[in-house]
């Protein structure tokens, strides 16, 4: 472990909107760890992740049930 303070990159502009969402603790931990490893805050990491997925096509429409693993083949509106 080092004494160096980690610097997090965040947006300099304020063109975004505030979004509130609830995550399971395990999912929040996954998001936090991935964002920290990338040197980004959670919000910016999530934004870039979604934009990267979108460049491959459209975001998948997932099953509305928590235990469902099926992915619908229709595009999100």
N, C-alpha and C. Protein backbone atom coordinates (compact mmCIF):
# COMPACT_ATOMS: atom_id res chain seq x y z
N UNK A 1 0.85 -1.16 0.00
CA UNK A 1 0.00 0.00 0.00
C UNK A 1 0.90 1.23 0.00
N UNK A 2 0.50 2.21 -0.77
CA UNK A 2 1.30 3.43 -0.84
C UNK A 2 0.60 4.56 -0.11
N UNK A 3 1.37 5.60 0.17
CA UNK A 3 0.81 6.78 0.81
C UNK A 3 0.27 7.77 -0.21
N UNK A 4 0.41 7.42 -1.50
CA UNK A 4 -0.03 8.32 -2.56
C UNK A 4 -1.56 8.40 -2.58
N UNK A 5 -2.06 9.61 -2.70
CA UNK A 5 -3.50 9.83 -2.76
C UNK A 5 -3.97 9.57 -4.18
N UNK A 6 -5.00 8.73 -4.32
CA UNK A 6 -5.53 8.44 -5.65
C UNK A 6 -6.30 9.65 -6.16
N UNK A 7 -6.08 9.97 -7.41
CA UNK A 7 -6.80 11.07 -8.03
C UNK A 7 -7.89 10.48 -8.91
N UNK A 8 -9.08 10.97 -8.72
CA UNK A 8 -10.21 10.50 -9.51
C UNK A 8 -10.54 11.53 -10.56
N UNK A 9 -10.78 11.04 -11.76
CA UNK A 9 -11.20 11.94 -12.82
C UNK A 9 -12.71 12.05 -12.81
N UNK A 10 -13.19 13.24 -12.99
CA UNK A 10 -14.62 13.47 -13.07
C UNK A 10 -14.89 14.51 -14.14
N UNK A 11 -16.14 14.65 -14.49
CA UNK A 11 -16.52 15.61 -15.53
C UNK A 11 -16.23 17.03 -15.05
N UNK A 12 -15.71 17.83 -15.96
CA UNK A 12 -15.48 19.23 -15.65
C UNK A 12 -16.70 20.08 -16.00
N UNK A 13 -17.49 19.60 -16.96
CA UNK A 13 -18.69 20.34 -17.33
C UNK A 13 -19.86 19.84 -16.50
N UNK A 14 -20.90 20.61 -16.46
CA UNK A 14 -22.07 20.23 -15.68
C UNK A 14 -23.29 20.09 -16.58
N UNK A 15 -23.07 19.52 -17.77
CA UNK A 15 -24.17 19.38 -18.72
C UNK A 15 -25.03 18.16 -18.42
N UNK A 16 -24.62 17.33 -17.49
CA UNK A 16 -25.38 16.13 -17.17
C UNK A 16 -26.54 16.43 -16.24
N UNK A 17 -27.34 15.41 -16.02
CA UNK A 17 -28.45 15.53 -15.08
C UNK A 17 -28.19 14.58 -13.92
N UNK A 18 -28.75 14.88 -12.79
CA UNK A 18 -28.58 14.04 -11.61
C UNK A 18 -29.54 12.86 -11.70
N UNK A 19 -29.02 11.66 -11.51
CA UNK A 19 -29.86 10.46 -11.55
C UNK A 19 -29.67 9.70 -10.25
N UNK A 20 -30.75 9.26 -9.67
CA UNK A 20 -30.71 8.46 -8.45
C UNK A 20 -31.12 7.05 -8.80
N UNK A 21 -30.39 6.08 -8.30
CA UNK A 21 -30.72 4.69 -8.54
C UNK A 21 -30.29 3.86 -7.34
N UNK A 22 -30.93 2.74 -7.18
CA UNK A 22 -30.62 1.82 -6.08
C UNK A 22 -29.96 0.58 -6.65
N UNK A 23 -28.89 0.15 -6.02
CA UNK A 23 -28.17 -1.05 -6.44
C UNK A 23 -28.04 -2.00 -5.26
N UNK A 24 -28.00 -3.27 -5.57
CA UNK A 24 -27.69 -4.25 -4.54
C UNK A 24 -26.27 -3.97 -4.06
N UNK A 25 -25.99 -4.20 -2.78
CA UNK A 25 -24.65 -3.91 -2.26
C UNK A 25 -23.53 -4.56 -3.06
N UNK A 26 -23.74 -5.78 -3.51
CA UNK A 26 -22.70 -6.47 -4.29
C UNK A 26 -22.47 -5.76 -5.63
N UNK A 27 -23.53 -5.33 -6.27
CA UNK A 27 -23.43 -4.65 -7.56
C UNK A 27 -22.75 -3.29 -7.37
N UNK A 28 -23.10 -2.60 -6.30
CA UNK A 28 -22.47 -1.31 -6.02
C UNK A 28 -20.97 -1.48 -5.79
N UNK A 29 -20.60 -2.54 -5.11
CA UNK A 29 -19.19 -2.83 -4.87
C UNK A 29 -18.46 -3.12 -6.19
N UNK A 30 -19.11 -3.88 -7.08
CA UNK A 30 -18.52 -4.15 -8.40
C UNK A 30 -18.29 -2.85 -9.17
N UNK A 31 -19.30 -1.99 -9.16
CA UNK A 31 -19.20 -0.71 -9.86
C UNK A 31 -18.10 0.16 -9.25
N UNK A 32 -18.05 0.23 -7.94
CA UNK A 32 -17.04 1.03 -7.26
C UNK A 32 -15.64 0.53 -7.58
N UNK A 33 -15.43 -0.78 -7.51
CA UNK A 33 -14.11 -1.35 -7.78
C UNK A 33 -13.67 -1.11 -9.22
N UNK A 34 -14.59 -1.28 -10.17
CA UNK A 34 -14.25 -1.06 -11.57
C UNK A 34 -13.95 0.40 -11.84
N UNK A 35 -14.71 1.30 -11.23
CA UNK A 35 -14.48 2.73 -11.41
C UNK A 35 -13.13 3.14 -10.82
N UNK A 36 -12.83 2.65 -9.63
CA UNK A 36 -11.55 2.97 -9.00
C UNK A 36 -10.38 2.44 -9.81
N UNK A 37 -10.51 1.24 -10.34
CA UNK A 37 -9.44 0.66 -11.16
C UNK A 37 -9.23 1.47 -12.44
N UNK A 38 -10.29 2.11 -12.91
CA UNK A 38 -10.20 2.93 -14.12
C UNK A 38 -9.77 4.36 -13.83
N UNK A 39 -9.74 4.73 -12.55
CA UNK A 39 -9.38 6.09 -12.18
C UNK A 39 -10.51 7.08 -12.40
N UNK A 40 -11.74 6.59 -12.40
CA UNK A 40 -12.91 7.43 -12.64
C UNK A 40 -13.84 7.35 -11.43
N UNK A 41 -14.76 8.32 -11.33
CA UNK A 41 -15.79 8.18 -10.33
C UNK A 41 -16.88 7.25 -10.87
N UNK A 42 -17.78 6.79 -10.02
CA UNK A 42 -18.80 5.82 -10.45
C UNK A 42 -19.68 6.37 -11.56
N UNK A 43 -20.06 7.60 -11.45
CA UNK A 43 -20.95 8.20 -12.44
C UNK A 43 -20.31 8.23 -13.83
N UNK A 44 -19.08 8.71 -13.89
CA UNK A 44 -18.40 8.80 -15.17
C UNK A 44 -18.09 7.40 -15.72
N UNK A 45 -17.73 6.47 -14.84
CA UNK A 45 -17.48 5.10 -15.28
C UNK A 45 -18.73 4.50 -15.90
N UNK A 46 -19.87 4.67 -15.23
CA UNK A 46 -21.13 4.12 -15.72
C UNK A 46 -21.51 4.76 -17.05
N UNK A 47 -21.32 6.07 -17.16
CA UNK A 47 -21.62 6.77 -18.42
C UNK A 47 -20.78 6.22 -19.56
N UNK A 48 -19.48 6.10 -19.33
CA UNK A 48 -18.59 5.60 -20.38
C UNK A 48 -18.86 4.15 -20.72
N UNK A 49 -19.22 3.34 -19.73
CA UNK A 49 -19.56 1.95 -19.98
C UNK A 49 -20.77 1.85 -20.90
N UNK A 50 -21.81 2.61 -20.58
CA UNK A 50 -23.02 2.57 -21.41
C UNK A 50 -22.76 3.08 -22.82
N UNK A 51 -21.96 4.14 -22.96
CA UNK A 51 -21.63 4.64 -24.28
C UNK A 51 -20.80 3.65 -25.08
N UNK A 52 -19.92 2.92 -24.41
CA UNK A 52 -19.12 1.91 -25.09
C UNK A 52 -20.00 0.76 -25.58
N UNK A 53 -20.94 0.34 -24.74
CA UNK A 53 -21.87 -0.72 -25.14
C UNK A 53 -22.71 -0.24 -26.32
N UNK A 54 -23.13 1.00 -26.29
CA UNK A 54 -23.97 1.55 -27.35
C UNK A 54 -23.24 1.59 -28.69
N UNK A 55 -21.93 1.79 -28.69
CA UNK A 55 -21.20 1.83 -29.95
C UNK A 55 -21.21 0.48 -30.66
N UNK A 56 -21.46 -0.58 -29.93
CA UNK A 56 -21.55 -1.92 -30.53
C UNK A 56 -22.95 -2.20 -31.06
N UNK A 57 -23.86 -1.25 -30.97
CA UNK A 57 -25.23 -1.44 -31.40
C UNK A 57 -26.15 -0.69 -30.46
N UNK A 58 -27.12 -1.38 -29.92
CA UNK A 58 -28.02 -0.76 -28.96
C UNK A 58 -27.88 -1.46 -27.62
N UNK A 59 -28.31 -0.81 -26.59
CA UNK A 59 -28.30 -1.45 -25.27
C UNK A 59 -29.31 -2.60 -25.28
N UNK A 60 -28.97 -3.72 -24.70
CA UNK A 60 -29.90 -4.85 -24.70
C UNK A 60 -31.11 -4.58 -23.81
N UNK A 61 -32.23 -5.14 -24.20
CA UNK A 61 -33.43 -5.08 -23.37
C UNK A 61 -33.43 -6.34 -22.54
N UNK A 62 -33.31 -6.19 -21.24
CA UNK A 62 -33.17 -7.33 -20.34
C UNK A 62 -34.51 -7.76 -19.77
N UNK A 63 -34.52 -8.96 -19.21
CA UNK A 63 -35.71 -9.48 -18.56
C UNK A 63 -36.07 -8.62 -17.36
N UNK A 64 -37.34 -8.31 -17.16
CA UNK A 64 -37.72 -7.47 -16.02
C UNK A 64 -37.67 -8.19 -14.68
N UNK A 65 -37.54 -9.51 -14.67
CA UNK A 65 -37.47 -10.24 -13.41
C UNK A 65 -36.03 -10.29 -12.93
N UNK A 66 -35.84 -10.27 -11.63
CA UNK A 66 -34.50 -10.28 -11.08
C UNK A 66 -33.76 -11.58 -11.33
N UNK A 67 -34.49 -12.67 -11.42
CA UNK A 67 -33.83 -13.96 -11.63
C UNK A 67 -33.77 -14.34 -13.10
N UNK A 68 -34.34 -13.54 -13.98
CA UNK A 68 -34.36 -13.85 -15.40
C UNK A 68 -33.02 -13.63 -16.05
N UNK A 69 -32.63 -14.54 -16.88
CA UNK A 69 -31.36 -14.41 -17.59
C UNK A 69 -31.58 -14.22 -19.08
N UNK A 70 -32.83 -14.23 -19.50
CA UNK A 70 -33.09 -14.07 -20.93
C UNK A 70 -32.85 -12.63 -21.36
N UNK A 71 -32.45 -12.49 -22.59
CA UNK A 71 -32.26 -11.18 -23.19
C UNK A 71 -33.19 -11.10 -24.38
N UNK A 72 -34.03 -10.08 -24.39
CA UNK A 72 -34.94 -9.88 -25.52
C UNK A 72 -34.16 -9.30 -26.67
N UNK A 73 -34.59 -9.58 -27.87
CA UNK A 73 -33.88 -9.12 -29.05
C UNK A 73 -34.43 -7.82 -29.62
N UNK A 74 -35.32 -7.15 -28.90
CA UNK A 74 -35.84 -5.87 -29.38
C UNK A 74 -34.98 -4.74 -28.84
N UNK A 75 -34.90 -3.68 -29.60
CA UNK A 75 -34.07 -2.54 -29.20
C UNK A 75 -34.84 -1.66 -28.23
N UNK A 76 -34.10 -1.05 -27.32
CA UNK A 76 -34.71 -0.13 -26.37
C UNK A 76 -35.10 1.15 -27.08
N UNK A 77 -36.16 1.77 -26.61
CA UNK A 77 -36.62 3.02 -27.25
C UNK A 77 -35.74 4.17 -26.87
